[in-house]
């Protein structure tokens, strides 16, 4: 009887460790998106099609601030020392368009970015969303 319980516990542990779920401290942003707060500081898309990885980077590292609601994820990150502005429309399919080798990430049909600050700030005002800093999310995640 103890052997069966032990096997069931080991099986459950293996299933959970191989899932596409995010790790401790990551923030679920809705849909299959999450903010990998530490150590990557990037927005990721959970996937199940690849046996060697559990996510694909959608917005690369160095996120400075982030906001999200039911439809959008907005982020500002630093690319080569300059601010870059990103918008993800979660209601559209995250279809891969191409792999950007230099940036080591895929381009997706539902991701605008990097875009200019005027377009970005126009949308933040239109949908009445407030950006929050990386330190705000780190503090709330216990870092």
Protein backbone atom coordinates (compact mmCIF):
# COMPACT_ATOMS: atom_id res chain seq x y z
CA UNK A 1 0.00 0.00 0.00
CA UNK A 2 2.79 2.45 0.91
CA UNK A 3 4.52 1.60 -2.39
CA UNK A 4 1.40 2.60 -4.35
CA UNK A 5 1.14 5.90 -2.46
CA UNK A 6 4.85 6.55 -3.02
CA UNK A 7 4.52 5.85 -6.75
CA UNK A 8 1.49 8.15 -6.99
CA UNK A 9 3.42 10.96 -5.26
CA UNK A 10 6.43 10.53 -7.56
CA UNK A 11 4.14 10.48 -10.62
CA UNK A 12 2.35 13.66 -9.48
CA UNK A 13 5.68 15.38 -8.89
CA UNK A 14 6.92 14.45 -12.36
CA UNK A 15 3.74 15.65 -14.04
CA UNK A 16 3.81 18.97 -12.20
CA UNK A 17 7.50 19.57 -12.87
CA UNK A 18 7.07 18.99 -16.61
CA UNK A 19 4.07 21.25 -17.01
CA UNK A 20 4.08 24.57 -18.85
CA UNK A 21 3.08 26.40 -15.68
CA UNK A 22 5.15 29.36 -14.60
CA UNK A 23 7.58 29.20 -11.68
CA UNK A 24 7.51 30.74 -8.21
CA UNK A 25 7.23 34.51 -8.38
CA UNK A 26 6.03 34.63 -11.97
CA UNK A 27 2.90 36.67 -12.58
CA UNK A 28 0.09 35.25 -14.71
CA UNK A 29 -1.02 37.95 -17.18
CA UNK A 30 -4.03 36.13 -18.63
CA UNK A 31 -4.27 33.64 -21.45
CA UNK A 32 -1.00 31.75 -21.76
CA UNK A 33 1.13 34.79 -20.91
CA UNK A 34 3.16 35.39 -17.80
CA UNK A 35 5.71 37.86 -16.52
CA UNK A 36 8.92 36.05 -15.55
CA UNK A 37 9.85 38.49 -12.81
CA UNK A 38 13.07 36.82 -11.71
CA UNK A 39 15.65 36.09 -13.04
CA UNK A 40 14.61 36.72 -16.66
CA UNK A 41 12.47 39.87 -16.30
CA UNK A 42 10.62 39.15 -19.56
CA UNK A 43 7.10 38.38 -20.83
CA UNK A 44 6.74 34.73 -21.81
CA UNK A 45 4.14 32.67 -23.67
CA UNK A 46 3.55 29.19 -22.24
CA UNK A 47 3.64 26.47 -24.86
CA UNK A 48 3.14 22.73 -24.91
CA UNK A 49 4.30 21.90 -28.42
CA UNK A 50 8.01 21.84 -27.56
CA UNK A 51 9.31 19.05 -25.34
CA UNK A 52 12.54 20.94 -24.60
CA UNK A 53 11.09 24.19 -23.30
CA UNK A 54 7.98 25.39 -21.57
CA UNK A 55 7.82 28.96 -22.87
CA UNK A 56 8.82 31.35 -25.63
CA UNK A 57 10.01 34.89 -24.94
CA UNK A 58 7.56 37.43 -26.37
CA UNK A 59 9.01 40.62 -24.88
CA UNK A 60 12.71 40.32 -24.12
CA UNK A 61 14.51 40.95 -20.85
CA UNK A 62 15.03 44.24 -19.08
CA UNK A 63 11.37 45.14 -18.54
CA UNK A 64 11.15 48.52 -16.86
CA UNK A 65 7.36 48.71 -16.41
CA UNK A 66 4.30 46.64 -17.25
CA UNK A 67 0.50 46.82 -17.24
CA UNK A 68 -2.19 44.34 -18.24
CA UNK A 69 -5.93 43.89 -18.40
CA UNK A 70 -8.30 41.36 -20.00
CA UNK A 71 -7.29 42.31 -23.56
CA UNK A 72 -3.81 43.84 -23.49
CA UNK A 73 -0.34 43.51 -22.04
CA UNK A 74 1.72 46.69 -22.28
CA UNK A 75 5.41 46.81 -21.46
CA UNK A 76 8.38 49.12 -21.62
CA UNK A 77 11.83 47.56 -21.67
CA UNK A 78 15.36 48.68 -22.31
CA UNK A 79 16.93 47.68 -25.63
CA UNK A 80 20.53 48.81 -26.10
CA UNK A 81 20.04 51.39 -23.34
CA UNK A 82 16.92 52.93 -24.93
CA UNK A 83 13.27 52.49 -23.99
CA UNK A 84 11.25 50.19 -26.25
CA UNK A 85 7.43 50.05 -26.13
CA UNK A 86 5.38 46.87 -26.61
CA UNK A 87 1.69 45.96 -26.88
CA UNK A 88 0.30 42.42 -26.87
CA UNK A 89 -3.32 41.89 -27.90
CA UNK A 90 -4.34 38.76 -25.97
CA UNK A 91 -7.59 38.42 -27.95
CA UNK A 92 -5.65 37.71 -31.15
CA UNK A 93 -3.92 34.41 -31.87
CA UNK A 94 -0.20 34.42 -30.95
CA UNK A 95 0.89 33.14 -34.37
CA UNK A 96 4.65 33.04 -34.94
CA UNK A 97 5.76 35.14 -37.92
CA UNK A 98 9.53 34.82 -37.94
CA UNK A 99 12.53 34.23 -35.73
CA UNK A 100 14.68 37.29 -35.08
CA UNK A 101 18.11 35.72 -34.70
CA UNK A 102 19.91 38.80 -33.37
CA UNK A 103 17.26 39.34 -30.70
CA UNK A 104 16.89 35.60 -29.97
CA UNK A 105 13.10 35.76 -30.05
CA UNK A 106 10.11 35.12 -32.29
CA UNK A 107 7.99 37.86 -33.79
CA UNK A 108 4.25 37.24 -33.24
CA UNK A 109 1.23 38.48 -35.19
CA UNK A 110 -0.48 39.81 -32.02
CA UNK A 111 2.56 41.74 -30.72
CA UNK A 112 3.31 45.31 -31.69
CA UNK A 113 6.80 46.31 -30.80
CA UNK A 114 8.98 47.88 -30.42
CA UNK A 115 6.74 50.82 -31.35
CA UNK A 116 7.10 54.58 -30.86
CA UNK A 117 6.18 56.15 -27.53
CA UNK A 118 3.37 58.30 -28.98
CA UNK A 119 1.40 55.26 -30.22
CA UNK A 120 2.06 53.46 -26.93
CA UNK A 121 0.97 56.31 -24.65
CA UNK A 122 -2.09 56.94 -26.81
CA UNK A 123 -3.26 53.37 -26.18
CA UNK A 124 -2.54 53.54 -22.43
CA UNK A 125 -4.78 56.63 -22.21
CA UNK A 126 -7.47 55.12 -24.45
CA UNK A 127 -7.83 51.93 -22.40
CA UNK A 128 -7.15 53.71 -19.08
CA UNK A 129 -4.40 51.40 -17.92
CA UNK A 130 -1.65 52.34 -15.47
CA UNK A 131 1.91 51.14 -15.90
CA UNK A 132 3.60 49.69 -12.82
CA UNK A 133 7.34 49.44 -12.30
CA UNK A 134 9.48 46.33 -12.22
CA UNK A 135 10.19 47.05 -8.54
CA UNK A 136 6.44 47.08 -7.81
CA UNK A 137 6.04 43.56 -9.26
CA UNK A 138 9.25 42.31 -7.60
CA UNK A 139 8.07 43.58 -4.20
CA UNK A 140 4.63 41.94 -4.60
CA UNK A 141 6.31 38.65 -5.58
CA UNK A 142 8.50 38.73 -2.49
CA UNK A 143 11.86 39.61 -4.03
